[in-house]
């Protein structure tokens, strides 16, 4: 569901600036699309605080949604357990920043 935060099982072959290891990811895709893949944004507690990386809090820990690293992942293979959900304010901020990142107004 859009706004849910799940564990993301990252591929072992990540290279360069791709995030490796197990991370959390925010589901961004519309709930109306029922595809085998889902659009997500990974999170990072150590990411630089750029304007295109809004801060959220999961289980009392501040983390950044890395909207500059969007990806489509397989629902079954890549999406793990649900660990949280963005509150309304966080979801609105992610939406606003995502529009700017994609230049959609």
Protein backbone atom coordinates (compact mmCIF):
# COMPACT_ATOMS: atom_id res chain seq x y z
CA UNK A 1 0.00 0.00 0.00
CA UNK A 2 1.34 3.46 -0.87
CA UNK A 3 3.12 4.96 2.12
CA UNK A 4 3.91 1.61 3.73
CA UNK A 5 7.50 1.00 4.79
CA UNK A 6 8.86 -2.50 4.14
CA UNK A 7 12.13 -4.28 4.48
CA UNK A 8 13.75 -4.41 1.05
CA UNK A 9 15.90 -7.33 0.11
CA UNK A 10 18.54 -5.62 -2.05
CA UNK A 11 20.34 -7.52 -4.78
CA UNK A 12 23.78 -8.81 -3.90
CA UNK A 13 25.21 -7.39 -7.11
CA UNK A 14 24.66 -3.69 -6.33
CA UNK A 15 27.44 -1.49 -7.70
CA UNK A 16 28.61 2.10 -7.47
CA UNK A 17 26.21 4.29 -5.51
CA UNK A 18 23.42 1.71 -5.45
CA UNK A 19 22.35 0.78 -1.96
CA UNK A 20 23.38 -2.71 -0.92
CA UNK A 21 22.30 -4.94 1.95
CA UNK A 22 18.96 -5.01 3.68
CA UNK A 23 17.22 -1.64 3.83
CA UNK A 24 13.85 -0.16 4.40
CA UNK A 25 11.88 1.13 1.44
CA UNK A 26 8.78 3.27 1.04
CA UNK A 27 6.17 2.07 -1.43
CA UNK A 28 5.31 4.91 -3.82
CA UNK A 29 3.15 3.17 -6.40
CA UNK A 30 -0.58 3.76 -6.62
CA UNK A 31 -2.70 1.22 -4.80
CA UNK A 32 -4.81 0.93 -7.97
CA UNK A 33 -1.98 -0.73 -9.91
CA UNK A 34 -1.82 -4.44 -9.25
CA UNK A 35 1.40 -5.36 -11.03
CA UNK A 36 4.10 -7.93 -10.33
CA UNK A 37 6.48 -5.03 -9.68
CA UNK A 38 6.14 -2.08 -7.34
CA UNK A 39 7.79 1.36 -7.40
CA UNK A 40 9.78 2.06 -4.22
CA UNK A 41 12.27 4.50 -2.76
CA UNK A 42 14.94 3.08 -0.45
CA UNK A 43 15.75 4.81 2.82
CA UNK A 44 19.04 5.54 4.55
CA UNK A 45 19.95 6.76 8.01
CA UNK A 46 23.32 7.98 6.70
CA UNK A 47 22.26 9.74 3.49
CA UNK A 48 23.20 13.38 3.02
CA UNK A 49 20.29 15.71 3.85
CA UNK A 50 19.51 16.97 0.35
CA UNK A 51 16.19 18.63 -0.42
CA UNK A 52 15.19 15.62 -2.54
CA UNK A 53 15.58 13.26 0.45
CA UNK A 54 12.76 14.02 2.91
CA UNK A 55 13.24 12.89 6.50
CA UNK A 56 10.81 10.41 8.07
CA UNK A 57 10.76 8.57 11.38
CA UNK A 58 10.41 4.79 11.62
CA UNK A 59 10.31 3.20 15.09
CA UNK A 60 11.77 6.38 16.58
CA UNK A 61 14.71 6.45 14.15
CA UNK A 62 15.12 9.32 11.71
CA UNK A 63 15.88 8.21 8.16
CA UNK A 64 15.77 9.78 4.69
CA UNK A 65 13.66 8.67 1.75
CA UNK A 66 16.05 8.59 -1.18
CA UNK A 67 13.80 9.85 -3.96
CA UNK A 68 16.85 10.11 -6.21
CA UNK A 69 17.13 6.29 -6.20
CA UNK A 70 13.65 5.19 -7.27
CA UNK A 71 13.30 1.68 -8.59
CA UNK A 72 10.77 -0.92 -9.58
CA UNK A 73 11.21 -4.19 -7.71
CA UNK A 74 9.52 -7.57 -7.81
CA UNK A 75 6.77 -7.68 -5.18
CA UNK A 76 7.54 -11.25 -4.16
CA UNK A 77 11.34 -11.37 -4.39
CA UNK A 78 12.28 -7.90 -3.12
CA UNK A 79 9.60 -6.74 -0.69
CA UNK A 80 9.90 -8.09 2.83
CA UNK A 81 7.86 -7.54 5.96
CA UNK A 82 5.98 -4.31 6.63
CA UNK A 83 7.65 -2.35 9.42
CA UNK A 84 5.75 0.92 9.40
CA UNK A 85 3.75 3.52 7.57
CA UNK A 86 4.32 7.18 6.76
CA UNK A 87 2.00 9.55 8.60
CA UNK A 88 -0.09 12.01 6.57
CA UNK A 89 2.45 14.84 6.86
CA UNK A 90 5.35 12.61 5.80
CA UNK A 91 3.37 11.21 2.86
CA UNK A 92 2.42 14.71 1.71
CA UNK A 93 6.06 15.82 1.87
CA UNK A 94 7.21 12.76 -0.09
CA UNK A 95 4.55 13.48 -2.72
CA UNK A 96 5.62 17.12 -3.03
CA UNK A 97 9.32 16.29 -3.31
CA UNK A 98 8.65 13.43 -5.74
CA UNK A 99 6.78 15.81 -8.07
CA UNK A 100 9.80 18.14 -8.02
CA UNK A 101 12.29 15.29 -8.60
CA UNK A 102 10.29 14.07 -11.60
CA UNK A 103 9.49 17.63 -12.73
CA UNK A 104 5.74 16.95 -12.58
CA UNK A 105 3.56 19.94 -11.71
